[in-house]
Amino acid sequence: MRFVKAFCLVALAALATMAFLGAGTASAQHKIVLCKELVTLCPAGKLWGKGTLIELLAKDPIWLSSLGTFLCEDSIVRGLTEQEIGDPFNFDSVTVEFGVLPTPTLGLGCTGTCGAATEDWFHATFENVRLLVEAVNKYSLLFAGLILLLKCQFGITCVYRVNHAKVPIAHDGTHPLHAGINLPLENVLVTLLRQTTHSGSSLCPAESIWHATYVLTLAKDHLGNEGLAWPSLDL
């Protein structure tokens, strides 16, 4: 009886290991794409190509620190795909805007102890933005970046840096501008560290927290074709 029980335990452990390796192998055999359909493996002809413009929107992004709470009505992230297929899947020319945005349906400004709702005082730049796949249907967005807060208390500039941020991607995002209920969603919750570069003041809080939920709402290629995009794997 003990032998049978031991054999069963070994067999179950082996099966679990094979299942885990199988999931990893499945993703390792395929590379990441942005697909025009919500599928695990993207069929031929449904891939967004190199140079596709990607837009992500966030409602009510929040910036927290001992300097105060900053609240913006909207934020938008834009970037271009560097390739059609890749692992990691890289983005280029990534820009982030808060508050007063060029699209009329977006926000009216940010409030806090820096700048004013009618001023452009919240700047962000990001690099090394890429998608990684860890297992089937398990994606993450990686990035680094620099954020500047202008015209803070006593006229100082606060500069913060985020390194190696990793944000999991879910497929349950929604947004008022779209009817879809399964859009790619990135729940950003990262801690940023004070920098004294770019005229950053040492009087600023040593850390701050950026919390925003971004939903991928638009893909647009160089031919003018528009639609939605989902992280997927190539066939």
C-alpha atoms as a PDB file:
ATOM      1  CA  MET A   1       0.000   0.000   0.000  1.00  0.00           C
ATOM      2  CA  ARG A   2       2.819   2.447   0.880  1.00  0.00           C
ATOM      3  CA  PHE A   3       4.474   1.631  -2.435  1.00  0.00           C
ATOM      4  CA  VAL A   4       1.237   2.339  -4.306  1.00  0.00           C
ATOM      5  CA  LYS A   5       0.747   5.658  -2.498  1.00  0.00           C
ATOM      6  CA  ALA A   6       4.334   6.681  -3.166  1.00  0.00           C
ATOM      7  CA  PHE A   7       4.002   5.704  -6.824  1.00  0.00           C
ATOM      8  CA  CYS A   8       0.819   7.793  -7.157  1.00  0.00           C
ATOM      9  CA  LEU A   9       2.473  10.823  -5.597  1.00  0.00           C
ATOM     10  CA  VAL A  10       5.441  10.531  -7.932  1.00  0.00           C
ATOM     11  CA  ALA A  11       3.116  10.171 -10.922  1.00  0.00           C
ATOM     12  CA  LEU A  12       1.105  13.244  -9.936  1.00  0.00           C
ATOM     13  CA  ALA A  13       4.265  15.284  -9.453  1.00  0.00           C
ATOM     14  CA  ALA A  14       5.509  14.196 -12.873  1.00  0.00           C
ATOM     15  CA  LEU A  15       2.222  15.160 -14.510  1.00  0.00           C
ATOM     16  CA  ALA A  16       2.264  18.569 -12.823  1.00  0.00           C
ATOM     17  CA  THR A  17       5.827  19.150 -13.969  1.00  0.00           C
ATOM     18  CA  MET A  18       4.946  18.141 -17.529  1.00  0.00           C
ATOM     19  CA  ALA A  19       1.952  20.496 -17.518  1.00  0.00           C
ATOM     20  CA  PHE A  20       4.094  23.382 -16.300  1.00  0.00           C
ATOM     21  CA  LEU A  21       6.827  22.680 -18.832  1.00  0.00           C
ATOM     22  CA  GLY A  22       4.225  22.262 -21.523  1.00  0.00           C
ATOM     23  CA  ALA A  23       2.859  25.742 -20.900  1.00  0.00           C
ATOM     24  CA  GLY A  24       6.347  27.220 -20.971  1.00  0.00           C
ATOM     25  CA  THR A  25       7.258  25.256 -24.084  1.00  0.00           C
ATOM     26  CA  ALA A  26       4.105  26.372 -25.855  1.00  0.00           C
ATOM     27  CA  SER A  27       5.019  30.015 -25.363  1.00  0.00           C
ATOM     28  CA  ALA A  28       8.705  29.376 -26.105  1.00  0.00           C
ATOM     29  CA  GLN A  29       7.853  27.862 -29.491  1.00  0.00           C
ATOM     30  CA  HIS A  30       6.013  31.023 -30.566  1.00  0.00           C
ATOM     31  CA  LYS A  31       6.874  34.708 -30.561  1.00  0.00           C
ATOM     32  CA  ILE A  32       4.768  37.651 -29.419  1.00  0.00           C
ATOM     33  CA  VAL A  33       2.547  39.588 -31.798  1.00  0.00           C
ATOM     34  CA  LEU A  34      -0.215  42.145 -31.543  1.00  0.00           C
ATOM     35  CA  CYS A  35      -3.284  40.476 -32.971  1.00  0.00           C
ATOM     36  CA  LYS A  36      -6.490  41.902 -34.429  1.00  0.00           C
ATOM     37  CA  GLU A  37      -8.419  39.170 -32.627  1.00  0.00           C
ATOM     38  CA  LEU A  38      -8.593  38.051 -28.993  1.00  0.00           C
ATOM     39  CA  VAL A  39      -7.001  34.620 -29.461  1.00  0.00           C
ATOM     40  CA  THR A  40      -4.132  32.625 -27.997  1.00  0.00           C
ATOM     41  CA  LEU A  41      -2.487  31.990 -31.386  1.00  0.00           C
ATOM     42  CA  CYS A  42      -2.906  34.722 -33.971  1.00  0.00           C
ATOM     43  CA  PRO A  43      -3.795  33.480 -37.481  1.00  0.00           C
ATOM     44  CA  ALA A  44      -1.972  34.673 -40.578  1.00  0.00           C
ATOM     45  CA  GLY A  45      -3.222  37.989 -41.868  1.00  0.00           C
ATOM     46  CA  LYS A  46      -4.385  39.171 -38.435  1.00  0.00           C
ATOM     47  CA  LEU A  47      -1.093  40.600 -37.165  1.00  0.00           C
ATOM     48  CA  TRP A  48      -0.468  44.314 -36.723  1.00  0.00           C
ATOM     49  CA  GLY A  49       2.757  45.148 -38.542  1.00  0.00           C
ATOM     50  CA  LYS A  50       5.895  47.129 -37.770  1.00  0.00           C
ATOM     51  CA  GLY A  51       5.255  50.841 -37.255  1.00  0.00           C
ATOM     52  CA  THR A  52       1.705  50.410 -35.963  1.00  0.00           C
ATOM     53  CA  LEU A  53       0.617  53.217 -33.629  1.00  0.00           C
ATOM     54  CA  ILE A  54      -0.685  51.941 -30.301  1.00  0.00           C
ATOM     55  CA  GLU A  55      -2.717  54.062 -27.888  1.00  0.00           C
ATOM     56  CA  LEU A  56      -3.575  53.323 -24.273  1.00  0.00           C
ATOM     57  CA  LEU A  57      -5.963  55.453 -22.221  1.00  0.00           C
ATOM     58  CA  ALA A  58      -6.332  55.827 -18.463  1.00  0.00           C
ATOM     59  CA  LYS A  59      -9.048  57.530 -16.458  1.00  0.00           C
ATOM     60  CA  ASP A  60      -8.191  59.341 -13.212  1.00  0.00           C
ATOM     61  CA  PRO A  61      -4.461  58.512 -12.915  1.00  0.00           C
ATOM     62  CA  ILE A  62      -3.135  59.349  -9.437  1.00  0.00           C
ATOM     63  CA  TRP A  63       0.282  60.468  -8.232  1.00  0.00           C
ATOM     64  CA  LEU A  64       0.923  60.085  -4.480  1.00  0.00           C
ATOM     65  CA  SER A  65       3.705  61.409  -2.260  1.00  0.00           C
ATOM     66  CA  SER A  66       4.226  63.477   0.880  1.00  0.00           C
ATOM     67  CA  LEU A  67       4.217  66.481  -1.455  1.00  0.00           C
ATOM     68  CA  GLY A  68       0.516  65.835  -1.940  1.00  0.00           C
ATOM     69  CA  THR A  69      -1.900  63.978  -4.187  1.00  0.00           C
ATOM     70  CA  PHE A  70      -2.029  64.764  -7.892  1.00  0.00           C
ATOM     71  CA  LEU A  71      -5.096  63.747  -9.832  1.00  0.00           C
ATOM     72  CA  CYS A  72      -5.505  63.985 -13.601  1.00  0.00           C
ATOM     73  CA  GLU A  73      -8.718  63.362 -15.484  1.00  0.00           C
ATOM     74  CA  ASP A  74      -7.000  61.367 -18.216  1.00  0.00           C
ATOM     75  CA  SER A  75      -3.690  60.071 -19.449  1.00  0.00           C
ATOM     76  CA  ILE A  76      -2.680  58.691 -22.811  1.00  0.00           C
ATOM     77  CA  VAL A  77       0.283  56.535 -23.856  1.00  0.00           C
ATOM     78  CA  ARG A  78       1.360  56.346 -27.486  1.00  0.00           C
ATOM     79  CA  GLY A  79       4.032  54.161 -29.044  1.00  0.00           C
ATOM     80  CA  LEU A  80       5.068  52.530 -32.309  1.00  0.00           C
ATOM     81  CA  THR A  81       5.703  48.817 -32.734  1.00  0.00           C
ATOM     82  CA  GLU A  82       9.301  48.069 -33.671  1.00  0.00           C
ATOM     83  CA  GLN A  83       8.486  44.780 -35.382  1.00  0.00           C
ATOM     84  CA  GLU A  84       5.650  42.506 -36.392  1.00  0.00           C
ATOM     85  CA  ILE A  85       6.884  39.480 -34.438  1.00  0.00           C
ATOM     86  CA  GLY A  86       9.332  39.418 -31.526  1.00  0.00           C
ATOM     87  CA  ASP A  87      10.229  38.085 -28.110  1.00  0.00           C
ATOM     88  CA  PRO A  88      10.421  40.463 -26.392  1.00  0.00           C
ATOM     89  CA  PHE A  89       8.066  42.615 -28.445  1.00  0.00           C
ATOM     90  CA  ASN A  90       9.449  46.160 -28.450  1.00  0.00           C
ATOM     91  CA  PHE A  91       7.894  49.609 -28.754  1.00  0.00           C
ATOM     92  CA  ASP A  92       9.557  52.818 -29.909  1.00  0.00           C
ATOM     93  CA  SER A  93       8.829  56.562 -29.600  1.00  0.00           C
ATOM     94  CA  VAL A  94       6.730  56.041 -26.472  1.00  0.00           C
ATOM     95  CA  THR A  95       5.163  59.235 -25.112  1.00  0.00           C
ATOM     96  CA  VAL A  96       2.961  59.752 -22.058  1.00  0.00           C
ATOM     97  CA  GLU A  97       0.662  62.728 -21.526  1.00  0.00           C
ATOM     98  CA  PHE A  98      -1.450  63.766 -18.558  1.00  0.00           C
ATOM     99  CA  GLY A  99      -4.223  66.282 -18.162  1.00  0.00           C
ATOM    100  CA  VAL A 100      -4.843  68.571 -21.143  1.00  0.00           C
ATOM    101  CA  LEU A 101      -4.649  66.218 -24.098  1.00  0.00           C
ATOM    102  CA  PRO A 102      -5.047  66.818 -27.836  1.00  0.00           C
ATOM    103  CA  THR A 103      -8.166  64.651 -28.120  1.00  0.00           C
ATOM    104  CA  PRO A 104     -11.345  66.647 -27.257  1.00  0.00           C
ATOM    105  CA  THR A 105     -12.966  63.700 -25.448  1.00  0.00           C
ATOM    106  CA  LEU A 106     -10.158  63.565 -22.886  1.00  0.00           C
ATOM    107  CA  GLY A 107      -9.417  65.504 -19.732  1.00  0.00           C
ATOM    108  CA  LEU A 108      -9.288  69.124 -18.698  1.00  0.00           C
ATOM    109  CA  GLY A 109      -6.191  69.121 -16.504  1.00  0.00           C
ATOM    110  CA  CYS A 110      -4.470  67.940 -13.361  1.00  0.00           C
ATOM    111  CA  THR A 111      -4.815  69.188  -9.798  1.00  0.00           C
ATOM    112  CA  GLY A 112      -2.253  69.119  -6.997  1.00  0.00           C
ATOM    113  CA  THR A 113       0.427  71.233  -5.345  1.00  0.00           C
ATOM    114  CA  CYS A 114       2.453  71.668  -8.536  1.00  0.00           C
ATOM    115  CA  GLY A 115       1.476  73.865 -11.459  1.00  0.00           C
ATOM    116  CA  ALA A 116      -2.164  74.615 -12.203  1.00  0.00           C
ATOM    117  CA  ALA A 117      -4.970  72.876 -14.047  1.00  0.00           C
ATOM    118  CA  THR A 118      -4.458  75.197 -17.015  1.00  0.00           C
ATOM    119  CA  GLU A 119      -0.678  74.672 -17.222  1.00  0.00           C
ATOM    120  CA  ASP A 120       1.479  72.016 -18.819  1.00  0.00           C
ATOM    121  CA  TRP A 121       3.514  70.933 -15.782  1.00  0.00           C
ATOM    122  CA  PHE A 122       3.396  67.106 -15.781  1.00  0.00           C
ATOM    123  CA  HIS A 123       5.950  65.516 -18.164  1.00  0.00           C
ATOM    124  CA  ALA A 124       6.895  61.857 -18.648  1.00  0.00           C
ATOM    125  CA  THR A 125       9.268  59.987 -20.948  1.00  0.00           C
ATOM    126  CA  PHE A 126       9.706  56.214 -21.142  1.00  0.00           C
ATOM    127  CA  GLU A 127      12.206  53.843 -22.713  1.00  0.00           C
ATOM    128  CA  ASN A 128      12.820  50.108 -23.025  1.00  0.00           C
ATOM    129  CA  VAL A 129       9.072  49.517 -23.335  1.00  0.00           C
ATOM    130  CA  ARG A 130       8.414  45.902 -24.278  1.00  0.00           C
ATOM    131  CA  LEU A 131       6.055  42.962 -23.970  1.00  0.00           C
ATOM    132  CA  LEU A 132       7.165  39.663 -22.455  1.00  0.00           C
ATOM    133  CA  VAL A 133       5.336  36.339 -22.337  1.00  0.00           C
ATOM    134  CA  GLU A 134       5.911  34.008 -19.379  1.00  0.00           C
ATOM    135  CA  ALA A 135       3.344  31.334 -20.211  1.00  0.00           C
ATOM    136  CA  VAL A 136       0.373  30.909 -22.496  1.00  0.00           C
ATOM    137  CA  ASN A 137      -1.865  33.993 -22.173  1.00  0.00           C
ATOM    138  CA  LYS A 138       0.367  35.472 -19.453  1.00  0.00           C
ATOM    139  CA  TYR A 139       1.920  38.721 -20.639  1.00  0.00           C
ATOM    140  CA  SER A 140       3.666  41.598 -18.907  1.00  0.00           C
ATOM    141  CA  LEU A 141       4.627  45.112 -19.939  1.00  0.00           C
ATOM    142  CA  LEU A 142       8.142  46.206 -18.930  1.00  0.00           C
ATOM    143  CA  PHE A 143       9.424  49.783 -18.984  1.00  0.00           C
ATOM    144  CA  ALA A 144      11.651  52.425 -17.426  1.00  0.00           C
ATOM    145  CA  GLY A 145      11.017  56.135 -17.350  1.00  0.00           C
ATOM    146  CA  LEU A 146      11.501  59.645 -16.053  1.00  0.00           C
ATOM    147  CA  ILE A 147       8.755  61.983 -14.787  1.00  0.00           C
ATOM    148  CA  LEU A 148       9.093  65.728 -14.159  1.00  0.00           C
ATOM    149  CA  LEU A 149       6.753  67.806 -11.994  1.00  0.00           C
ATOM    150  CA  LEU A 150       7.242  71.514 -12.709  1.00  0.00           C
ATOM    151  CA  LYS A 151       6.372  74.571 -10.588  1.00  0.00           C
ATOM    152  CA  CYS A 152       5.967  72.726  -7.297  1.00  0.00           C
ATOM    153  CA  GLN A 153       6.153  74.344  -3.845  1.00  0.00           C
ATOM    154  CA  PHE A 154       8.620  77.247  -3.743  1.00  0.00           C
ATOM    155  CA  GLY A 155       9.030  76.923  -7.493  1.00  0.00           C
ATOM    156  CA  ILE A 156      11.038  73.687  -7.371  1.00  0.00           C
ATOM    157  CA  THR A 157      11.061  70.928  -9.979  1.00  0.00           C
ATOM    158  CA  CYS A 158      10.606  67.323  -8.801  1.00  0.00           C
ATOM    159  CA  VAL A 159      12.115  64.573 -10.924  1.00  0.00           C
ATOM    160  CA  TYR A 160      11.399  60.870 -10.428  1.00  0.00           C
ATOM    161  CA  ARG A 161      12.756  57.730 -12.032  1.00  0.00           C
ATOM    162  CA  VAL A 162      11.243  54.272 -12.425  1.00  0.00           C
ATOM    163  CA  ASN A 163      13.520  51.373 -13.352  1.00  0.00           C
ATOM    164  CA  HIS A 164      12.525  47.898 -14.513  1.00  0.00           C
ATOM    165  CA  ALA A 165       8.804  48.280 -13.862  1.00  0.00           C
ATOM    166  CA  LYS A 166       6.818  45.139 -14.655  1.00  0.00           C
ATOM    167  CA  VAL A 167       3.056  45.348 -15.107  1.00  0.00           C
ATOM    168  CA  PRO A 168       0.892  42.253 -15.764  1.00  0.00           C
ATOM    169  CA  ILE A 169      -1.631  42.458 -18.607  1.00  0.00           C
ATOM    170  CA  ALA A 170      -5.201  41.303 -18.099  1.00  0.00           C
ATOM    171  CA  HIS A 171      -7.887  40.827 -20.757  1.00  0.00           C
ATOM    172  CA  ASP A 172     -10.821  42.357 -18.912  1.00  0.00           C
ATOM    173  CA  GLY A 173     -10.333  46.043 -19.642  1.00  0.00           C
ATOM    174  CA  THR A 174     -13.183  48.420 -20.500  1.00  0.00           C
ATOM    175  CA  HIS A 175     -13.261  52.055 -21.551  1.00  0.00           C
ATOM    176  CA  PRO A 176     -16.082  54.565 -22.129  1.00  0.00           C
ATOM    177  CA  LEU A 177     -14.944  55.158 -25.715  1.00  0.00           C
ATOM    178  CA  HIS A 178     -15.290  51.499 -26.703  1.00  0.00           C
ATOM    179  CA  ALA A 179     -17.977  48.858 -26.471  1.00  0.00           C
ATOM    180  CA  GLY A 180     -15.517  45.998 -25.922  1.00  0.00           C
ATOM    181  CA  ILE A 181     -15.262  44.311 -22.521  1.00  0.00           C
ATOM    182  CA  ASN A 182     -12.089  42.254 -23.040  1.00  0.00           C
ATOM    183  CA  LEU A 183      -9.538  44.950 -23.860  1.00  0.00           C
ATOM    184  CA  PRO A 184      -5.885  44.607 -22.745  1.00  0.00           C
ATOM    185  CA  LEU A 185      -5.544  46.267 -19.340  1.00  0.00           C
ATOM    186  CA  GLU A 186      -2.377  47.326 -17.500  1.00  0.00           C
ATOM    187  CA  ASN A 187      -2.806  48.228 -13.837  1.00  0.00           C
ATOM    188  CA  VAL A 188       0.236  50.416 -13.186  1.00  0.00           C
ATOM    189  CA  LEU A 189       1.235  50.663  -9.537  1.00  0.00           C
ATOM    190  CA  VAL A 190       4.910  51.579  -9.299  1.00  0.00           C
ATOM    191  CA  THR A 191       7.180  53.389  -6.863  1.00  0.00           C
ATOM    192  CA  LEU A 192       9.434  56.080  -8.305  1.00  0.00           C
ATOM    193  CA  LEU A 193      12.631  57.414  -6.767  1.00  0.00           C
ATOM    194  CA  ARG A 194      13.688  61.054  -6.558  1.00  0.00           C
ATOM    195  CA  GLN A 195      16.411  62.213  -8.930  1.00  0.00           C
ATOM    196  CA  THR A 196      18.556  65.341  -8.825  1.00  0.00           C
ATOM    197  CA  THR A 197      19.204  65.264 -12.572  1.00  0.00           C
ATOM    198  CA  HIS A 198      17.230  67.464 -15.003  1.00  0.00           C
ATOM    199  CA  SER A 199      17.186  70.251 -12.356  1.00  0.00           C
ATOM    200  CA  GLY A 200      15.432  68.000  -9.857  1.00  0.00           C
ATOM    201  CA  SER A 201      15.405  69.374  -6.322  1.00  0.00           C
ATOM    202  CA  SER A 202      16.621  67.425  -3.291  1.00  0.00           C
ATOM    203  CA  LEU A 203      13.754  69.052  -1.346  1.00  0.00           C
ATOM    204  CA  CYS A 204      11.223  66.818  -3.120  1.00  0.00           C
ATOM    205  CA  PRO A 205       9.929  63.652  -1.401  1.00  0.00           C
ATOM    206  CA  ALA A 206      12.346  60.738  -1.756  1.00  0.00           C
ATOM    207  CA  GLU A 207       9.640  58.461  -3.205  1.00  0.00           C
ATOM    208  CA  SER A 208       6.318  58.755  -4.942  1.00  0.00           C
ATOM    209  CA  ILE A 209       3.728  56.313  -6.252  1.00  0.00           C
ATOM    210  CA  TRP A 210       2.109  56.327  -9.683  1.00  0.00           C
ATOM    211  CA  HIS A 211      -1.201  54.475  -9.943  1.00  0.00           C
ATOM    212  CA  ALA A 212      -3.144  54.322 -13.189  1.00  0.00           C
ATOM    213  CA  THR A 213      -5.126  51.747 -15.123  1.00  0.00           C
ATOM    214  CA  TYR A 214      -4.380  51.900 -18.846  1.00  0.00           C
ATOM    215  CA  VAL A 215      -6.531  50.214 -21.468  1.00  0.00           C
ATOM    216  CA  LEU A 216      -5.285  49.550 -24.987  1.00  0.00           C
ATOM    217  CA  THR A 217      -7.965  51.207 -27.080  1.00  0.00           C
ATOM    218  CA  LEU A 218      -6.494  51.750 -30.548  1.00  0.00           C
ATOM    219  CA  ALA A 219      -4.097  50.358 -33.125  1.00  0.00           C
ATOM    220  CA  LYS A 220      -3.503  52.220 -36.381  1.00  0.00           C
ATOM    221  CA  ASP A 221      -1.143  51.167 -39.173  1.00  0.00           C
ATOM    222  CA  HIS A 222       0.621  53.241 -41.833  1.00  0.00           C
ATOM    223  CA  LEU A 223      -2.204  52.552 -44.296  1.00  0.00           C
ATOM    224  CA  GLY A 224      -4.735  54.187 -41.992  1.00  0.00           C
ATOM    225  CA  ASN A 225      -6.385  50.934 -40.902  1.00  0.00           C
ATOM    226  CA  GLU A 226      -7.697  51.174 -37.343  1.00  0.00           C
ATOM    227  CA  GLY A 227      -8.878  48.607 -34.823  1.00  0.00           C
ATOM    228  CA  LEU A 228      -8.094  46.929 -31.527  1.00  0.00           C
ATOM    229  CA  ALA A 229      -5.033  44.878 -30.646  1.00  0.00           C
ATOM    230  CA  TRP A 230      -4.348  42.054 -28.201  1.00  0.00           C
ATOM    231  CA  PRO A 231      -1.023  40.505 -27.106  1.00  0.00           C
ATOM    232  CA  SER A 232      -0.926  37.055 -28.661  1.00  0.00           C
ATOM    233  CA  LEU A 233       1.449  34.437 -30.076  1.00  0.00           C
ATOM    234  CA  ASP A 234       2.183  33.770 -33.739  1.00  0.00           C
ATOM    235  CA  LEU A 235       1.070  30.473 -35.252  1.00  0.00           C
END
